[in-house]
Amino acid sequence: MLELRRLTSEYIEAEDRFRLTGEDEAGNTISLWLTQRLSQRLISYLLAAVSNSSIEAAQNFMQDDSAGNLLQEFAQQAATAELAPEQAVDSTLSSQNWLVEEVDINQDTECNVGLIFKKEGVENAAISFESQQLRQWLSIVRNQWIQAQWPMGIWPNWMAGQDEPAILSTESPVH
């Protein structure tokens, strides 16, 4: 399995798909393509995971929906504010380029998430996100989603202020 340490996420209009270009520790790159249908399912699951498993939700499980949304919005804004510029993973250097058929998701109790991208007949690719990194990546994907002009119904209100472009630091696996 190719273990990715960095990921560049971008919407490619000509394909009407997301391209995730990943790089492993050795500098090998791979381009993974996600359809809108698979992206919606993946993002919906990850948003629910962040919302239900976050420290904010656990510490304040008795709050009403508006208070919960406000706590989630603050946590999302804090994560996005910590994004720092990083050079994109170069998709032209990809040794593999394939359409993702399914994604396995592994999650622990602290909302750390591992994604395993799969296609029959090729080596799987995986990436792991800590809770804050996941929030940052979701913010990036949301910005790309807006660019794609895909239906915004899957995005919760607490992410509404996350429309600015985002790039992560070199210590983080996504941008």
Protein backbone atom coordinates (compact mmCIF):
# COMPACT_ATOMS: atom_id res chain seq x y z
CA MET A 1 0.00 0.00 0.00
CA LEU A 2 1.25 3.47 -0.87
CA GLU A 3 1.25 5.53 2.36
CA LEU A 4 0.78 9.20 1.45
CA ARG A 5 2.23 11.95 3.60
CA ARG A 6 1.08 14.95 1.53
CA LEU A 7 -1.99 15.51 -0.59
CA THR A 8 -3.01 18.21 -3.05
CA SER A 9 -6.74 18.38 -3.68
CA GLU A 10 -8.10 20.18 -6.72
CA TYR A 11 -11.17 20.30 -8.87
CA ILE A 12 -10.42 19.69 -12.56
CA GLU A 13 -13.17 21.28 -14.63
CA ALA A 14 -12.39 19.37 -17.85
CA GLU A 15 -12.93 16.08 -15.97
CA ASP A 16 -15.66 17.40 -13.64
CA ARG A 17 -13.87 15.48 -10.88
CA PHE A 18 -11.58 15.97 -7.94
CA ARG A 19 -7.96 15.01 -8.39
CA LEU A 20 -6.07 14.08 -5.25
CA THR A 21 -2.35 14.08 -5.98
CA GLY A 22 -0.46 12.36 -3.19
CA GLU A 23 3.18 11.96 -2.32
CA ASP A 24 4.74 9.31 -0.11
CA GLU A 25 7.84 9.54 2.10
CA ALA A 26 10.09 8.51 -0.81
CA GLY A 27 8.69 11.20 -3.10
CA ASN A 28 6.59 8.86 -5.25
CA THR A 29 3.42 10.51 -6.50
CA ILE A 30 -0.02 9.24 -7.44
CA SER A 31 -3.09 10.95 -8.87
CA LEU A 32 -6.42 9.68 -7.61
CA TRP A 33 -9.66 10.79 -9.22
CA LEU A 34 -12.95 11.07 -7.30
CA THR A 35 -16.36 11.38 -8.91
CA GLN A 36 -18.99 13.69 -7.50
CA ARG A 37 -21.02 10.71 -6.27
CA LEU A 38 -18.13 9.14 -4.35
CA SER A 39 -16.99 12.55 -3.10
CA GLN A 40 -20.44 13.30 -1.70
CA ARG A 41 -20.56 10.01 0.17
CA LEU A 42 -17.04 10.42 1.53
CA ILE A 43 -17.45 14.05 2.57
CA SER A 44 -20.87 13.41 4.16
CA TYR A 45 -19.38 10.64 6.28
CA LEU A 46 -16.34 12.73 7.27
CA LEU A 47 -18.47 15.74 8.20
CA ALA A 48 -20.66 13.58 10.42
CA ALA A 49 -17.56 12.04 11.97
CA VAL A 50 -16.05 15.46 12.73
CA SER A 51 -19.32 16.77 14.09
CA ASN A 52 -20.11 13.75 16.28
CA SER A 53 -16.63 12.80 17.47
CA SER A 54 -14.98 16.14 17.97
CA ILE A 55 -13.76 17.34 21.33
CA GLU A 56 -16.28 20.17 21.05
CA ALA A 57 -19.16 17.71 20.74
CA ALA A 58 -17.86 15.42 23.50
CA GLN A 59 -17.30 18.21 26.01
CA ASN A 60 -20.65 19.83 25.30
CA PHE A 61 -22.97 16.92 24.55
CA MET A 62 -25.93 18.59 26.28
CA GLN A 63 -25.96 21.76 24.16
CA ASP A 64 -28.73 22.58 21.71
CA ASP A 65 -28.16 22.53 17.96
CA SER A 66 -27.36 26.23 17.62
CA ALA A 67 -24.77 26.10 20.41
CA GLY A 68 -23.29 22.94 18.92
CA ASN A 69 -23.09 24.58 15.50
CA LEU A 70 -21.37 27.59 17.02
CA LEU A 71 -18.77 25.38 18.75
CA GLN A 72 -18.18 23.48 15.50
CA GLU A 73 -17.81 26.76 13.60
CA PHE A 74 -15.22 28.03 16.09
CA ALA A 75 -13.27 24.76 15.88
CA GLN A 76 -13.41 24.88 12.08
CA GLN A 77 -12.26 28.50 11.98
CA ALA A 78 -9.38 27.72 14.35
CA ALA A 79 -8.24 24.79 12.20
CA THR A 80 -8.45 26.81 8.99
CA ALA A 81 -6.58 29.74 10.56
CA GLU A 82 -3.58 27.47 11.13
CA LEU A 83 -3.14 26.70 7.44
CA ALA A 84 0.23 27.80 6.07
CA PRO A 85 1.50 27.97 2.47
CA GLU A 86 3.06 24.87 0.94
CA GLN A 87 4.09 23.89 -2.56
CA ALA A 88 1.54 21.64 -4.28
CA VAL A 89 2.29 18.02 -5.07
CA ASP A 90 3.08 18.02 -8.80
CA SER A 91 0.52 15.89 -10.64
CA THR A 92 2.74 15.68 -13.73
CA LEU A 93 5.15 13.50 -11.73
CA SER A 94 2.50 10.89 -10.93
CA SER A 95 3.63 7.33 -11.53
CA GLN A 96 0.01 6.16 -11.20
CA ASN A 97 -3.22 7.80 -12.26
CA TRP A 98 -6.57 6.10 -11.59
CA LEU A 99 -10.24 6.54 -10.76
CA VAL A 100 -11.06 5.59 -7.16
CA GLU A 101 -13.75 2.91 -6.97
CA GLU A 102 -14.15 2.82 -3.18
CA VAL A 103 -12.76 4.35 -0.01
CA ASP A 104 -12.32 2.51 3.28
CA ILE A 105 -12.50 4.75 6.34
CA ASN A 106 -10.88 3.96 9.68
CA GLN A 107 -11.68 6.26 12.59
CA ASP A 108 -10.59 6.29 16.21
CA THR A 109 -12.34 7.90 19.18
CA GLU A 110 -10.40 11.17 18.82
CA CYS A 111 -11.64 11.69 15.24
CA ASN A 112 -8.33 10.70 13.69
CA VAL A 113 -9.21 9.24 10.32
CA GLY A 114 -7.45 6.98 7.85
CA LEU A 115 -8.61 6.79 4.25
CA ILE A 116 -7.72 3.91 1.96
CA PHE A 117 -8.39 4.61 -1.71
CA LYS A 118 -9.08 1.48 -3.74
CA LYS A 119 -9.38 0.30 -7.32
CA GLU A 120 -9.39 -3.31 -8.38
CA GLY A 121 -6.09 -4.44 -9.85
CA VAL A 122 -3.89 -1.63 -8.49
CA GLU A 123 -2.04 -0.97 -5.25
CA ASN A 124 -4.15 0.89 -2.68
CA ALA A 125 -3.19 4.35 -1.50
CA ALA A 126 -3.76 5.54 2.07
CA ILE A 127 -3.54 8.76 4.03
CA SER A 128 -4.19 9.55 7.69
CA PHE A 129 -5.53 12.76 9.18
CA GLU A 130 -5.44 13.96 12.74
CA SER A 131 -8.62 15.75 13.80
CA GLN A 132 -7.38 19.25 12.97
CA GLN A 133 -5.87 18.13 9.66
CA LEU A 134 -9.20 16.57 8.73
CA ARG A 135 -10.97 19.86 9.42
CA GLN A 136 -8.38 21.66 7.31
CA TRP A 137 -8.76 19.22 4.44
CA LEU A 138 -12.55 19.50 4.58
CA SER A 139 -12.19 23.26 4.33
CA ILE A 140 -9.99 22.86 1.24
CA VAL A 141 -12.42 20.42 -0.36
CA ARG A 142 -15.31 22.78 0.36
CA ASN A 143 -13.50 25.59 -1.45
CA GLN A 144 -12.98 23.30 -4.42
CA TRP A 145 -16.62 22.19 -4.20
CA ILE A 146 -17.70 25.82 -4.56
CA GLN A 147 -15.42 26.19 -7.59
CA ALA A 148 -16.97 23.04 -9.10
CA GLN A 149 -20.44 24.52 -8.57
CA TRP A 150 -21.61 21.20 -7.17
CA PRO A 151 -24.69 21.14 -4.89
CA MET A 152 -23.83 22.62 -1.49
CA GLY A 153 -26.51 20.72 0.44
CA ILE A 154 -24.03 18.33 2.11
CA TRP A 155 -22.09 21.14 3.79
CA PRO A 156 -23.22 22.09 7.32
CA ASN A 157 -23.87 25.69 8.31
CA TRP A 158 -20.86 25.67 10.64
CA MET A 159 -18.58 25.51 7.58
CA ALA A 160 -20.22 28.48 5.86
CA GLY A 161 -17.39 30.85 6.79
CA GLN A 162 -14.75 28.56 5.30
CA ASP A 163 -14.84 29.83 1.69
CA GLU A 164 -11.31 31.24 1.47
CA PRO A 165 -8.57 29.28 -0.35
CA ALA A 166 -6.44 27.16 1.96
CA ILE A 167 -2.95 25.61 1.91
CA LEU A 168 -1.29 23.56 4.66
CA SER A 169 2.22 23.60 6.05
CA THR A 170 4.92 21.12 5.06
CA GLU A 171 4.45 19.20 8.31
CA SER A 172 0.88 18.42 7.42
CA PRO A 173 -0.28 15.73 4.97
CA VAL A 174 -2.79 17.82 3.04
CA HIS A 175 -3.15 21.05 1.17
